[in-house]
N, C-alpha and C. Protein backbone atom coordinates (compact mmCIF):
# COMPACT_ATOMS: atom_id res chain seq x y z
N MET A 1 116.07 149.60 -96.13
CA MET A 1 116.40 149.33 -95.60
C MET A 1 117.39 150.53 -94.51
N THR A 2 117.33 150.84 -92.81
CA THR A 2 117.52 152.66 -92.67
C THR A 2 119.26 152.09 -92.29
N ASP A 3 120.40 153.33 -92.15
CA ASP A 3 121.58 152.76 -91.83
C ASP A 3 121.78 153.16 -90.46
N HIS A 4 120.47 153.48 -88.77
CA HIS A 4 119.97 153.36 -87.57
C HIS A 4 120.68 152.75 -87.45
N ALA A 5 121.19 152.36 -86.00
CA ALA A 5 120.83 151.48 -85.08
C ALA A 5 119.86 151.01 -84.09
N LEU A 6 119.54 149.86 -84.68
CA LEU A 6 118.10 148.77 -84.35
C LEU A 6 117.80 149.10 -82.24
N ARG A 7 116.69 149.07 -82.09
CA ARG A 7 117.03 149.13 -80.68
C ARG A 7 115.97 148.00 -80.26
N VAL A 8 116.64 146.93 -79.61
CA VAL A 8 115.30 145.99 -79.78
C VAL A 8 115.70 145.46 -78.10
N CYS A 9 114.52 144.82 -77.66
CA CYS A 9 115.00 144.04 -76.45
C CYS A 9 114.15 142.20 -76.61
N VAL A 10 115.31 141.51 -75.60
CA VAL A 10 115.25 140.35 -75.29
C VAL A 10 114.08 140.45 -73.61
N VAL A 11 113.11 139.07 -73.67
CA VAL A 11 112.65 139.28 -72.71
C VAL A 11 111.80 138.21 -72.09
N CYS A 12 111.78 137.53 -70.95
CA CYS A 12 111.23 136.43 -70.68
C CYS A 12 110.39 136.71 -69.38
N ALA A 13 109.42 136.43 -69.44
CA ALA A 13 108.50 136.41 -67.46
C ALA A 13 108.19 134.29 -67.34
N TRP A 14 107.46 135.72 -65.94
CA TRP A 14 107.36 134.77 -65.09
C TRP A 14 105.92 134.86 -64.23
N PRO A 15 105.11 134.48 -63.51
CA PRO A 15 103.97 135.26 -62.85
C PRO A 15 104.60 135.94 -62.06
N ASP A 16 105.49 135.93 -61.33
CA ASP A 16 106.47 136.68 -60.48
C ASP A 16 107.58 137.57 -60.70
N ARG A 17 108.96 137.08 -62.09
CA ARG A 17 110.10 137.90 -62.19
C ARG A 17 109.61 138.39 -63.88
N VAL A 18 110.97 139.55 -63.43
CA VAL A 18 110.82 139.32 -65.43
C VAL A 18 112.37 139.62 -65.74
N TRP A 19 112.60 139.05 -66.80
CA TRP A 19 114.11 138.93 -67.35
C TRP A 19 113.92 139.85 -68.77
N ARG A 20 115.00 140.72 -68.47
CA ARG A 20 114.72 141.80 -69.77
C ARG A 20 115.63 142.60 -70.36
N ARG A 21 117.21 142.24 -71.55
CA ARG A 21 117.78 142.95 -71.98
C ARG A 21 117.50 143.46 -72.75
N ASP A 22 117.96 145.06 -73.01
CA ASP A 22 117.10 145.82 -73.84
C ASP A 22 118.98 146.19 -74.76
N LEU A 23 119.21 146.16 -75.36
CA LEU A 23 120.01 145.86 -77.16
C LEU A 23 119.68 147.02 -78.67
N THR A 24 121.57 147.11 -78.71
CA THR A 24 120.96 148.60 -79.84
C THR A 24 122.19 147.48 -80.49
N LEU A 25 121.88 146.93 -81.84
CA LEU A 25 122.27 146.31 -82.86
C LEU A 25 122.61 146.59 -84.25
N PRO A 26 123.09 146.95 -84.60
CA PRO A 26 123.27 146.96 -86.29
C PRO A 26 122.26 146.22 -87.36
N PRO A 27 122.23 147.44 -88.14
CA PRO A 27 120.76 147.24 -89.26
C PRO A 27 121.32 145.68 -89.77
N GLY A 28 120.25 145.49 -89.63
CA GLY A 28 120.48 143.51 -90.46
C GLY A 28 120.10 142.69 -89.55
N ALA A 29 120.74 142.90 -88.32
CA ALA A 29 120.33 142.30 -87.34
C ALA A 29 119.66 140.69 -87.61
N THR A 30 119.78 139.33 -87.02
CA THR A 30 119.04 139.06 -86.77
C THR A 30 117.75 138.32 -85.70
N VAL A 31 117.10 137.65 -85.53
CA VAL A 31 116.84 136.87 -84.54
C VAL A 31 117.70 136.68 -83.08
N ASP A 32 118.66 135.89 -84.00
CA ASP A 32 119.82 134.65 -83.31
C ASP A 32 120.68 136.17 -82.50
N ASP A 33 120.93 137.34 -83.88
CA ASP A 33 122.33 137.96 -83.30
C ASP A 33 121.65 138.22 -82.02
N ALA A 34 120.11 138.90 -81.83
CA ALA A 34 120.21 139.43 -80.17
C ALA A 34 120.03 138.52 -79.41
N LEU A 35 119.83 137.17 -79.47
CA LEU A 35 119.81 136.40 -78.39
C LEU A 35 120.35 135.66 -78.21
N ARG A 36 122.18 136.02 -79.15
CA ARG A 36 123.39 136.12 -79.17
C ARG A 36 123.82 137.41 -78.19
N ALA A 37 123.61 138.35 -78.45
CA ALA A 37 123.94 139.67 -78.09
C ALA A 37 123.43 139.84 -76.36
N SER A 38 122.17 139.54 -76.39
CA SER A 38 121.39 139.10 -74.67
C SER A 38 122.65 138.52 -74.02
N GLU A 39 123.04 137.27 -74.21
CA GLU A 39 123.86 136.11 -72.93
C GLU A 39 122.42 135.49 -72.53
N TRP A 40 121.34 135.31 -72.99
CA TRP A 40 120.30 134.54 -72.40
C TRP A 40 120.74 133.34 -71.68
N ARG A 41 120.66 132.42 -72.75
CA ARG A 41 121.92 131.37 -72.60
C ARG A 41 122.53 130.67 -71.10
N THR A 42 122.77 132.02 -70.55
CA THR A 42 124.11 131.50 -69.26
C THR A 42 123.04 132.50 -67.94
N ALA A 43 121.75 133.91 -68.57
CA ALA A 43 121.07 134.25 -67.62
C ALA A 43 120.17 133.15 -67.27
N LEU A 44 119.35 132.65 -68.25
CA LEU A 44 118.27 131.62 -67.63
C LEU A 44 118.51 129.97 -67.44
N ALA A 45 119.98 130.15 -68.03
CA ALA A 45 120.31 128.48 -67.48
C ALA A 45 119.92 127.58 -67.07
N ASP A 46 119.44 127.82 -66.22
CA ASP A 46 117.71 126.21 -65.05
C ASP A 46 117.09 126.31 -66.25
N VAL A 47 116.54 127.24 -67.39
CA VAL A 47 115.43 126.73 -68.07
C VAL A 47 115.34 127.14 -69.33
N ALA A 48 116.80 127.03 -69.33
CA ALA A 48 117.33 127.81 -71.17
C ALA A 48 116.74 126.44 -72.78
N ASP A 49 116.67 125.30 -71.72
CA ASP A 49 116.41 123.91 -72.92
C ASP A 49 114.87 123.98 -72.70
N ASP A 50 113.88 124.82 -71.31
CA ASP A 50 112.70 124.65 -72.50
C ASP A 50 112.03 125.77 -72.80
N LEU A 51 113.10 126.70 -73.35
CA LEU A 51 112.79 128.27 -74.41
C LEU A 51 112.42 128.03 -75.48
N GLN A 52 110.80 128.65 -75.52
CA GLN A 52 110.93 128.82 -77.52
C GLN A 52 110.77 130.23 -77.58
N VAL A 53 111.23 130.40 -78.67
CA VAL A 53 111.20 132.03 -79.47
C VAL A 53 110.29 132.70 -80.06
N ALA A 54 109.84 133.89 -79.72
CA ALA A 54 108.67 134.45 -80.41
C ALA A 54 109.13 135.97 -80.22
N LEU A 55 108.54 136.63 -81.71
CA LEU A 55 108.57 138.03 -81.64
C LEU A 55 106.97 139.42 -82.08
N HIS A 56 106.90 139.56 -80.74
CA HIS A 56 105.63 139.70 -80.95
C HIS A 56 104.88 139.36 -80.72
N GLY A 57 104.66 138.01 -79.51
CA GLY A 57 104.04 137.29 -79.57
C GLY A 57 103.77 136.15 -80.47
N GLN A 58 104.34 135.80 -81.73
CA GLN A 58 103.95 135.31 -82.77
C GLN A 58 105.15 134.56 -83.17
N PRO A 59 105.01 132.74 -83.33
CA PRO A 59 106.58 131.92 -83.10
C PRO A 59 107.85 133.03 -84.34
N ALA A 60 109.04 132.78 -84.29
CA ALA A 60 109.57 133.42 -84.74
C ALA A 60 110.79 132.84 -85.14
N ARG A 61 112.02 132.20 -86.30
CA ARG A 61 112.51 131.71 -86.64
C ARG A 61 114.25 132.44 -86.32
N THR A 62 114.60 132.02 -85.85
CA THR A 62 115.95 132.94 -85.78
C THR A 62 116.93 133.27 -86.55
N ASP A 63 117.12 133.55 -87.75
CA ASP A 63 117.04 133.41 -88.98
C ASP A 63 116.05 135.53 -89.65
N ARG A 64 115.43 135.47 -88.48
CA ARG A 64 114.84 136.15 -89.29
C ARG A 64 115.20 138.07 -88.82
N VAL A 65 115.19 138.96 -89.77
CA VAL A 65 115.83 139.63 -89.83
C VAL A 65 114.49 140.79 -88.78
N LEU A 66 115.42 141.53 -88.08
CA LEU A 66 114.87 142.87 -87.06
C LEU A 66 114.50 144.14 -87.27
N ALA A 67 113.07 144.61 -86.70
CA ALA A 67 113.25 145.81 -87.08
C ALA A 67 113.65 146.92 -85.74
N ASP A 68 113.35 147.83 -85.49
CA ASP A 68 113.73 148.92 -84.72
C ASP A 68 112.43 148.18 -83.60
N GLY A 69 112.80 148.79 -82.48
CA GLY A 69 111.62 147.78 -81.55
C GLY A 69 110.75 146.91 -81.42
N ASP A 70 111.90 146.37 -82.05
CA ASP A 70 111.08 144.26 -82.43
C ASP A 70 111.40 144.13 -80.44
N ARG A 71 110.43 142.64 -79.85
CA ARG A 71 110.62 142.49 -78.81
C ARG A 71 110.47 140.77 -78.81
N ILE A 72 112.11 140.53 -78.67
CA ILE A 72 112.01 139.60 -79.18
C ILE A 72 111.59 138.40 -77.10
N GLU A 73 110.35 137.71 -77.52
CA GLU A 73 110.25 136.51 -76.35
C GLU A 73 110.80 135.32 -76.42
N LEU A 74 111.15 135.14 -74.76
CA LEU A 74 112.24 133.16 -74.51
C LEU A 74 110.51 133.47 -73.83
N CYS A 75 109.41 131.81 -74.64
CA CYS A 75 108.65 131.54 -74.12
C CYS A 75 108.84 130.58 -73.34
N ARG A 76 108.18 130.41 -72.41
CA ARG A 76 107.75 128.56 -71.70
C ARG A 76 106.93 128.18 -72.46
N PRO A 77 107.13 126.98 -72.33
CA PRO A 77 105.95 125.91 -72.69
C PRO A 77 104.59 125.49 -72.19
N LEU A 78 103.53 125.87 -73.04
CA LEU A 78 101.91 125.61 -72.41
C LEU A 78 101.77 124.17 -71.66
N ARG A 79 101.09 124.02 -70.60
CA ARG A 79 101.02 123.46 -69.25
C ARG A 79 99.61 122.40 -69.77
N VAL A 80 99.28 123.51 -70.58
CA VAL A 80 97.63 123.55 -70.55
C VAL A 80 97.98 123.95 -71.78
N ASP A 81 96.62 123.07 -73.28
CA ASP A 81 96.39 124.27 -74.15
C ASP A 81 95.25 125.32 -73.89
N PRO A 82 95.38 126.64 -73.98
CA PRO A 82 94.49 128.11 -73.61
C PRO A 82 93.09 127.51 -73.50
N ARG A 83 93.08 127.02 -74.69
CA ARG A 83 91.30 126.38 -75.34
C ARG A 83 90.98 125.42 -74.29
N GLU A 84 91.71 124.22 -73.84
CA GLU A 84 91.16 123.43 -73.12
C GLU A 84 91.03 124.24 -71.47
N ALA A 85 92.21 125.10 -70.82
CA ALA A 85 92.06 125.94 -69.69
C ALA A 85 91.12 126.13 -69.39
N ARG A 86 90.40 126.83 -70.87
CA ARG A 86 89.45 127.52 -71.45
C ARG A 86 87.19 126.71 -70.86
N ARG A 87 87.92 125.71 -71.12
CA ARG A 87 86.41 124.68 -71.35
C ARG A 87 87.04 124.54 -70.15
N ARG A 88 87.24 124.01 -69.52
CA ARG A 88 87.53 123.24 -68.11
C ARG A 88 87.22 124.69 -66.95
N GLN A 89 86.62 125.63 -67.24
CA GLN A 89 86.50 126.80 -66.35
C GLN A 89 85.20 127.09 -66.67
N VAL A 90 84.84 126.79 -67.74
CA VAL A 90 83.54 127.47 -68.54
C VAL A 90 82.80 125.97 -68.19
N ALA A 91 83.73 124.96 -67.97
CA ALA A 91 82.28 123.66 -66.67
C ALA A 91 82.40 123.37 -65.18
N ALA A 92 83.12 124.13 -65.29
CA ALA A 92 83.86 124.44 -63.22
C ALA A 92 82.14 125.24 -62.89
N VAL A 93 81.81 126.81 -64.55
CA VAL A 93 81.37 127.42 -63.90
C VAL A 93 80.05 127.01 -63.66
N ARG A 94 79.67 126.28 -64.91
CA ARG A 94 78.02 125.21 -65.15
C ARG A 94 77.85 124.12 -63.81
N ARG A 95 78.31 124.10 -63.57
CA ARG A 95 78.93 122.90 -62.64
C ARG A 95 78.41 124.11 -61.71
N GLY A 96 79.24 124.84 -61.14
CA GLY A 96 78.72 126.08 -59.57
C GLY A 96 79.61 125.56 -59.04
N THR A 97 80.73 125.30 -59.27
CA THR A 97 82.19 124.98 -58.30
C THR A 97 83.28 126.01 -58.99
N GLY A 98 82.98 126.63 -59.76
CA GLY A 98 84.11 127.92 -60.53
C GLY A 98 84.28 128.79 -60.05
C-alpha cells in the first residue's frame, strides 16, 4: 500500500448530462468513503434510490479498498437486458423495419 493520497472520481451519466466529483482520499479509503465524500445523495436526490455502484464498469461492494485513479460509477438500472435489445434490433433488420 502507498502512503500517497488517492485520486478517484465518482460519476453518474445520462444521455444528455454527466455529474462528476473528483476526490482526493487517504490511502486505504473504500468505495463507501468516496461515496460519502462526493455527497452524491444530495446532488442526485431525485434518482439516488435507483442507482447501483460499479468500479470501472463492474459491480462493486462498498467495502472495496480503492486504488489511485479508480472511477466509481453510479449506474441507472437497465430498462431492457442488452442482449434482448440486440436480438430485437437484429429481428427488425431481418424484417426490413430496422
